Amino acid sequence: GGGLVQPGGSLGLSCAASGSIFNIFAMGWYR
């Protein structure tokens, strides 16, 4: 979902996970 955008614009990022226990994990975004 990354890319180039002008100031004031919007972007949506997605993170797809493997595994069967995703629902019990904490998640975060860093930059």
PDB file of all heavy atoms in Angstrom:
ATOM      1  N   GLY A   1       0.770  -1.228   0.000  1.00  0.00           N
ATOM      2  CA  GLY A   1       0.000   0.000   0.000  1.00  0.00           C
ATOM      3  C   GLY A   1       0.802   1.279   0.000  1.00  0.00           C
ATOM      4  O   GLY A   1       0.224   2.364  -0.096  1.00  0.00           O
ATOM      5  N   GLY A   2       2.120   1.195   0.110  1.00  0.00           N
ATOM      6  CA  GLY A   2       2.937   2.391   0.080  1.00  0.00           C
ATOM      7  C   GLY A   2       2.954   3.030  -1.292  1.00  0.00           C
ATOM      8  O   GLY A   2       2.517   2.450  -2.278  1.00  0.00           O
ATOM      9  N   GLY A   3       3.464   4.258  -1.346  1.00  0.00           N
ATOM     10  CA  GLY A   3       3.541   4.971  -2.602  1.00  0.00           C
ATOM     11  C   GLY A   3       3.832   6.436  -2.396  1.00  0.00           C
ATOM     12  O   GLY A   3       4.224   6.865  -1.313  1.00  0.00           O
ATOM     13  N   LEU A   4       3.637   7.208  -3.458  1.00  0.00           N
ATOM     14  CA  LEU A   4       3.866   8.650  -3.457  1.00  0.00           C
ATOM     15  C   LEU A   4       2.537   9.376  -3.333  1.00  0.00           C
ATOM     16  O   LEU A   4       1.589   9.081  -4.062  1.00  0.00           O
ATOM     17  CB  LEU A   4       4.576   9.069  -4.746  1.00  0.00           C
ATOM     18  CG  LEU A   4       4.783  10.560  -4.975  1.00  0.00           C
ATOM     19  CD1 LEU A   4       5.715  11.147  -3.926  1.00  0.00           C
ATOM     20  CD2 LEU A   4       5.331  10.795  -6.379  1.00  0.00           C
ATOM     21  N   VAL A   5       2.480  10.331  -2.417  1.00  0.00           N
ATOM     22  CA  VAL A   5       1.258  11.096  -2.204  1.00  0.00           C
ATOM     23  C   VAL A   5       1.624  12.544  -1.890  1.00  0.00           C
ATOM     24  O   VAL A   5       2.682  12.815  -1.325  1.00  0.00           O
ATOM     25  CB  VAL A   5       0.408  10.471  -1.074  1.00  0.00           C
ATOM     26  CG1 VAL A   5       1.136  10.564   0.264  1.00  0.00           C
ATOM     27  CG2 VAL A   5      -0.967  11.108  -0.992  1.00  0.00           C
ATOM     28  N   GLN A   6       0.762  13.478  -2.274  1.00  0.00           N
ATOM     29  CA  GLN A   6       0.984  14.883  -1.973  1.00  0.00           C
ATOM     30  C   GLN A   6       0.626  15.197  -0.527  1.00  0.00           C
ATOM     31  O   GLN A   6      -0.190  14.493   0.083  1.00  0.00           O
ATOM     32  CB  GLN A   6       0.149  15.759  -2.909  1.00  0.00           C
ATOM     33  CG  GLN A   6       0.549  15.669  -4.364  1.00  0.00           C
ATOM     34  CD  GLN A   6      -0.250  16.605  -5.244  1.00  0.00           C
ATOM     35  OE1 GLN A   6      -1.101  17.352  -4.780  1.00  0.00           O
ATOM     36  NE2 GLN A   6       0.035  16.570  -6.538  1.00  0.00           N
ATOM     37  N   PRO A   7       1.238  16.227   0.056  1.00  0.00           N
ATOM     38  CA  PRO A   7       0.846  16.636   1.404  1.00  0.00           C
ATOM     39  C   PRO A   7      -0.658  16.867   1.496  1.00  0.00           C
ATOM     40  O   PRO A   7      -1.266  17.460   0.604  1.00  0.00           O
ATOM     41  CB  PRO A   7       1.630  17.934   1.619  1.00  0.00           C
ATOM     42  CG  PRO A   7       2.829  17.782   0.738  1.00  0.00           C
ATOM     43  CD  PRO A   7       2.334  17.041  -0.479  1.00  0.00           C
ATOM     44  N   GLY A   8      -1.242  16.375   2.586  1.00  0.00           N
ATOM     45  CA  GLY A   8      -2.675  16.459   2.774  1.00  0.00           C
ATOM     46  C   GLY A   8      -3.437  15.274   2.234  1.00  0.00           C
ATOM     47  O   GLY A   8      -4.632  15.126   2.518  1.00  0.00           O
ATOM     48  N   GLY A   9      -2.764  14.426   1.479  1.00  0.00           N
ATOM     49  CA  GLY A   9      -3.395  13.249   0.914  1.00  0.00           C
ATOM     50  C   GLY A   9      -3.455  12.094   1.880  1.00  0.00           C
ATOM     51  O   GLY A   9      -3.052  12.196   3.041  1.00  0.00           O
ATOM     52  N   SER A  10      -3.943  10.965   1.384  1.00  0.00           N
ATOM     53  CA  SER A  10      -4.147   9.783   2.208  1.00  0.00           C
ATOM     54  C   SER A  10      -3.571   8.544   1.549  1.00  0.00           C
ATOM     55  O   SER A  10      -3.505   8.444   0.321  1.00  0.00           O
ATOM     56  CB  SER A  10      -5.641   9.550   2.459  1.00  0.00           C
ATOM     57  OG  SER A  10      -6.227  10.625   3.173  1.00  0.00           O
ATOM     58  N   LEU A  11      -3.163   7.607   2.373  1.00  0.00           N
ATOM     59  CA  LEU A  11      -2.746   6.282   1.945  1.00  0.00           C
ATOM     60  C   LEU A  11      -3.219   5.266   2.966  1.00  0.00           C
ATOM     61  O   LEU A  11      -3.292   5.571   4.159  1.00  0.00           O
ATOM     62  CB  LEU A  11      -1.229   6.167   1.807  1.00  0.00           C
ATOM     63  CG  LEU A  11      -0.554   6.746   0.575  1.00  0.00           C
ATOM     64  CD1 LEU A  11       0.963   6.628   0.716  1.00  0.00           C
ATOM     65  CD2 LEU A  11      -1.023   6.049  -0.691  1.00  0.00           C
ATOM     66  N   GLY A  12      -3.514   4.063   2.506  1.00  0.00           N
ATOM     67  CA  GLY A  12      -3.849   2.966   3.383  1.00  0.00           C
ATOM     68  C   GLY A  12      -2.867   1.832   3.226  1.00  0.00           C
ATOM     69  O   GLY A  12      -2.633   1.359   2.114  1.00  0.00           O
ATOM     70  N   LEU A  13      -2.255   1.408   4.324  1.00  0.00           N
ATOM     71  CA  LEU A  13      -1.303   0.311   4.323  1.00  0.00           C
ATOM     72  C   LEU A  13      -1.966  -0.951   4.860  1.00  0.00           C
ATOM     73  O   LEU A  13      -2.820  -0.886   5.745  1.00  0.00           O
ATOM     74  CB  LEU A  13      -0.082   0.633   5.181  1.00  0.00           C
ATOM     75  CG  LEU A  13       0.667   1.926   4.875  1.00  0.00           C
ATOM     76  CD1 LEU A  13       1.880   2.052   5.778  1.00  0.00           C
ATOM     77  CD2 LEU A  13       1.066   1.989   3.411  1.00  0.00           C
ATOM     78  N   SER A  14      -1.549  -2.087   4.325  1.00  0.00           N
ATOM     79  CA  SER A  14      -2.028  -3.383   4.787  1.00  0.00           C
ATOM     80  C   SER A  14      -0.849  -4.263   5.136  1.00  0.00           C
ATOM     81  O   SER A  14       0.212  -4.170   4.524  1.00  0.00           O
ATOM     82  CB  SER A  14      -2.878  -4.075   3.719  1.00  0.00           C
ATOM     83  OG  SER A  14      -4.049  -3.343   3.432  1.00  0.00           O
ATOM     84  N   CYS A  15      -1.039  -5.123   6.109  1.00  0.00           N
ATOM     85  CA  CYS A  15      -0.033  -6.093   6.518  1.00  0.00           C
ATOM     86  C   CYS A  15      -0.723  -7.434   6.670  1.00  0.00           C
ATOM     87  O   CYS A  15      -1.540  -7.617   7.583  1.00  0.00           O
ATOM     88  CB  CYS A  15       0.631  -5.669   7.826  1.00  0.00           C
ATOM     89  SG  CYS A  15       1.769  -6.883   8.525  1.00  0.00           S
ATOM     90  N   ALA A  16      -0.409  -8.352   5.771  1.00  0.00           N
ATOM     91  CA  ALA A  16      -0.997  -9.683   5.790  1.00  0.00           C
ATOM     92  C   ALA A  16      -0.078 -10.637   6.532  1.00  0.00           C
ATOM     93  O   ALA A  16       1.122 -10.673   6.281  1.00  0.00           O
ATOM     94  CB  ALA A  16      -1.240 -10.181   4.373  1.00  0.00           C
ATOM     95  N   ALA A  17      -0.639 -11.423   7.426  1.00  0.00           N
ATOM     96  CA  ALA A  17       0.129 -12.309   8.283  1.00  0.00           C
ATOM     97  C   ALA A  17      -0.174 -13.764   7.986  1.00  0.00           C
ATOM     98  O   ALA A  17      -1.309 -14.131   7.666  1.00  0.00           O
ATOM     99  CB  ALA A  17      -0.158 -12.020   9.753  1.00  0.00           C
ATOM    100  N   SER A  18       0.849 -14.591   8.099  1.00  0.00           N
ATOM    101  CA  SER A  18       0.675 -16.028   8.020  1.00  0.00           C
ATOM    102  C   SER A  18       0.474 -16.588   9.421  1.00  0.00           C
ATOM    103  O   SER A  18       0.576 -15.870  10.417  1.00  0.00           O
ATOM    104  CB  SER A  18       1.885 -16.675   7.353  1.00  0.00           C
ATOM    105  OG  SER A  18       3.049 -16.517   8.155  1.00  0.00           O
ATOM    106  N   GLY A  19       0.206 -17.892   9.506  1.00  0.00           N
ATOM    107  CA  GLY A  19       0.052 -18.530  10.792  1.00  0.00           C
ATOM    108  C   GLY A  19      -1.392 -18.621  11.232  1.00  0.00           C
ATOM    109  O   GLY A  19      -2.269 -17.927  10.705  1.00  0.00           O
ATOM    110  N   SER A  20      -1.633 -19.434  12.235  1.00  0.00           N
ATOM    111  CA  SER A  20      -2.986 -19.708  12.703  1.00  0.00           C
ATOM    112  C   SER A  20      -3.325 -19.054  14.027  1.00  0.00           C
ATOM    113  O   SER A  20      -4.452 -19.199  14.504  1.00  0.00           O
ATOM    114  CB  SER A  20      -3.195 -21.222  12.820  1.00  0.00           C
ATOM    115  OG  SER A  20      -2.288 -21.794  13.755  1.00  0.00           O
ATOM    116  N   ILE A  21      -2.375 -18.329  14.635  1.00  0.00           N
ATOM    117  CA  ILE A  21      -2.616 -17.715  15.939  1.00  0.00           C
ATOM    118  C   ILE A  21      -2.507 -16.197  15.880  1.00  0.00           C
ATOM    119  O   ILE A  21      -2.215 -15.549  16.883  1.00  0.00           O
ATOM    120  CB  ILE A  21      -1.655 -18.272  17.010  1.00  0.00           C
ATOM    121  CG1 ILE A  21      -0.192 -18.084  16.601  1.00  0.00           C
ATOM    122  CG2 ILE A  21      -1.961 -19.735  17.281  1.00  0.00           C
ATOM    123  CD1 ILE A  21       0.793 -18.464  17.686  1.00  0.00           C
ATOM    124  N   PHE A  22      -2.754 -15.615  14.704  1.00  0.00           N
ATOM    125  CA  PHE A  22      -2.688 -14.176  14.527  1.00  0.00           C
ATOM    126  C   PHE A  22      -3.552 -13.438  15.533  1.00  0.00           C
ATOM    127  O   PHE A  22      -3.176 -12.362  16.013  1.00  0.00           O
ATOM    128  CB  PHE A  22      -3.112 -13.812  13.095  1.00  0.00           C
ATOM    129  CG  PHE A  22      -3.283 -12.343  12.859  1.00  0.00           C
ATOM    130  CD1 PHE A  22      -2.205 -11.550  12.527  1.00  0.00           C
ATOM    131  CD2 PHE A  22      -4.537 -11.753  12.958  1.00  0.00           C
ATOM    132  CE1 PHE A  22      -2.360 -10.191  12.292  1.00  0.00           C
ATOM    133  CE2 PHE A  22      -4.706 -10.400  12.727  1.00  0.00           C
ATOM    134  CZ  PHE A  22      -3.612  -9.613  12.392  1.00  0.00           C
ATOM    135  N   ASN A  23      -4.691 -13.994  15.856  1.00  0.00           N
ATOM    136  CA  ASN A  23      -5.660 -13.297  16.685  1.00  0.00           C
ATOM    137  C   ASN A  23      -5.189 -13.023  18.104  1.00  0.00           C
ATOM    138  O   ASN A  23      -5.765 -12.160  18.783  1.00  0.00           O
ATOM    139  CB  ASN A  23      -6.986 -14.067  16.714  1.00  0.00           C
ATOM    140  CG  ASN A  23      -6.853 -15.443  17.314  1.00  0.00           C
ATOM    141  OD1 ASN A  23      -5.927 -16.189  17.000  1.00  0.00           O
ATOM    142  ND2 ASN A  23      -7.797 -15.807  18.176  1.00  0.00           N
ATOM    143  N   ILE A  24      -4.159 -13.705  18.592  1.00  0.00           N
ATOM    144  CA  ILE A  24      -3.675 -13.487  19.952  1.00  0.00           C
ATOM    145  C   ILE A  24      -2.429 -12.612  20.012  1.00  0.00           C
ATOM    146  O   ILE A  24      -1.953 -12.307  21.105  1.00  0.00           O
ATOM    147  CB  ILE A  24      -3.406 -14.813  20.685  1.00  0.00           C
ATOM    148  CG1 ILE A  24      -2.180 -15.517  20.101  1.00  0.00           C
ATOM    149  CG2 ILE A  24      -4.639 -15.713  20.635  1.00  0.00           C
ATOM    150  CD1 ILE A  24      -1.731 -16.712  20.924  1.00  0.00           C
ATOM    151  N   PHE A  25      -1.921 -12.190  18.871  1.00  0.00           N
ATOM    152  CA  PHE A  25      -0.700 -11.401  18.833  1.00  0.00           C
ATOM    153  C   PHE A  25      -1.004  -9.908  18.875  1.00  0.00           C
ATOM    154  O   PHE A  25      -1.996  -9.454  18.306  1.00  0.00           O
ATOM    155  CB  PHE A  25       0.100 -11.705  17.566  1.00  0.00           C
ATOM    156  CG  PHE A  25       0.964 -12.920  17.660  1.00  0.00           C
ATOM    157  CD1 PHE A  25       0.411 -14.187  17.634  1.00  0.00           C
ATOM    158  CD2 PHE A  25       2.341 -12.809  17.772  1.00  0.00           C
ATOM    159  CE1 PHE A  25       1.203 -15.312  17.721  1.00  0.00           C
ATOM    160  CE2 PHE A  25       3.150 -13.922  17.859  1.00  0.00           C
ATOM    161  CZ  PHE A  25       2.578 -15.174  17.831  1.00  0.00           C
ATOM    162  N   ALA A  26      -0.131  -9.178  19.547  1.00  0.00           N
ATOM    163  CA  ALA A  26      -0.129  -7.726  19.439  1.00  0.00           C
ATOM    164  C   ALA A  26       0.484  -7.326  18.103  1.00  0.00           C
ATOM    165  O   ALA A  26       1.353  -8.023  17.570  1.00  0.00           O
ATOM    166  CB  ALA A  26       0.660  -7.105  20.583  1.00  0.00           C
ATOM    167  N   MET A  27       0.047  -6.200  17.551  1.00  0.00           N
ATOM    168  CA  MET A  27       0.514  -5.734  16.253  1.00  0.00           C
ATOM    169  C   MET A  27       0.905  -4.273  16.353  1.00  0.00           C
ATOM    170  O   MET A  27       0.348  -3.521  17.145  1.00  0.00           O
ATOM    171  CB  MET A  27      -0.563  -5.890  15.177  1.00  0.00           C
ATOM    172  CG  MET A  27      -1.117  -7.289  15.006  1.00  0.00           C
ATOM    173  SD  MET A  27       0.089  -8.457  14.327  1.00  0.00           S
ATOM    174  CE  MET A  27       0.467  -7.693  12.740  1.00  0.00           C
ATOM    175  N   GLY A  28       1.856  -3.887  15.514  1.00  0.00           N
ATOM    176  CA  GLY A  28       2.272  -2.496  15.492  1.00  0.00           C
ATOM    177  C   GLY A  28       2.776  -2.075  14.133  1.00  0.00           C
ATOM    178  O   GLY A  28       3.177  -2.907  13.311  1.00  0.00           O
ATOM    179  N   TRP A  29       2.734  -0.777  13.902  1.00  0.00           N
ATOM    180  CA  TRP A  29       3.363  -0.156  12.743  1.00  0.00           C
ATOM    181  C   TRP A  29       4.493   0.733  13.226  1.00  0.00           C
ATOM    182  O   TRP A  29       4.315   1.507  14.177  1.00  0.00           O
ATOM    183  CB  TRP A  29       2.366   0.670  11.929  1.00  0.00           C
ATOM    184  CG  TRP A  29       1.404  -0.134  11.107  1.00  0.00           C
ATOM    185  CD1 TRP A  29       0.132  -0.477  11.430  1.00  0.00           C
ATOM    186  CD2 TRP A  29       1.646  -0.678   9.808  1.00  0.00           C
ATOM    187  NE1 TRP A  29      -0.442  -1.204  10.426  1.00  0.00           N
ATOM    188  CE2 TRP A  29       0.467  -1.346   9.410  1.00  0.00           C
ATOM    189  CE3 TRP A  29       2.730  -0.671   8.937  1.00  0.00           C
ATOM    190  CZ2 TRP A  29       0.354  -2.000   8.184  1.00  0.00           C
ATOM    191  CZ3 TRP A  29       2.616  -1.324   7.724  1.00  0.00           C
ATOM    192  CH2 TRP A  29       1.439  -1.975   7.363  1.00  0.00           C
ATOM    193  N   TYR A  30       5.640   0.612  12.580  1.00  0.00           N
ATOM    194  CA  TYR A  30       6.806   1.435  12.844  1.00  0.00           C
ATOM    195  C   TYR A  30       7.250   2.085  11.544  1.00  0.00           C
ATOM    196  O   TYR A  30       6.877   1.642  10.458  1.00  0.00           O
ATOM    197  CB  TYR A  30       7.950   0.604  13.422  1.00  0.00           C
ATOM    198  CG  TYR A  30       7.683   0.069  14.813  1.00  0.00           C
ATOM    199  CD1 TYR A  30       6.769  -0.954  15.031  1.00  0.00           C
ATOM    200  CD2 TYR A  30       8.359   0.591  15.917  1.00  0.00           C
ATOM    201  CE1 TYR A  30       6.523  -1.442  16.304  1.00  0.00           C
ATOM    202  CE2 TYR A  30       8.124   0.108  17.186  1.00  0.00           C
ATOM    203  CZ  TYR A  30       7.207  -0.909  17.376  1.00  0.00           C
ATOM    204  OH  TYR A  30       6.975  -1.390  18.643  1.00  0.00           O
ATOM    205  N   ARG A  31       8.061   3.129  11.645  1.00  0.00           N
ATOM    206  CA  ARG A  31       8.583   3.759  10.445  1.00  0.00           C
ATOM    207  C   ARG A  31      10.022   4.197  10.668  1.00  0.00           C
ATOM    208  O   ARG A  31      10.435   4.488  11.788  1.00  0.00           O
ATOM    209  CB  ARG A  31       7.720   4.942  10.005  1.00  0.00           C
ATOM    210  CG  ARG A  31       7.703   6.125  10.966  1.00  0.00           C
ATOM    211  CD  ARG A  31       6.679   7.157  10.510  1.00  0.00           C
ATOM    212  NE  ARG A  31       6.654   8.329  11.365  1.00  0.00           N
ATOM    213  CZ  ARG A  31       5.774   9.312  11.259  1.00  0.00           C
ATOM    214  NH1 ARG A  31       4.828   9.258  10.313  1.00  0.00           N
ATOM    215  NH2 ARG A  31       5.831  10.353  12.082  1.00  0.00           N
TER     216      ARG A  31
END
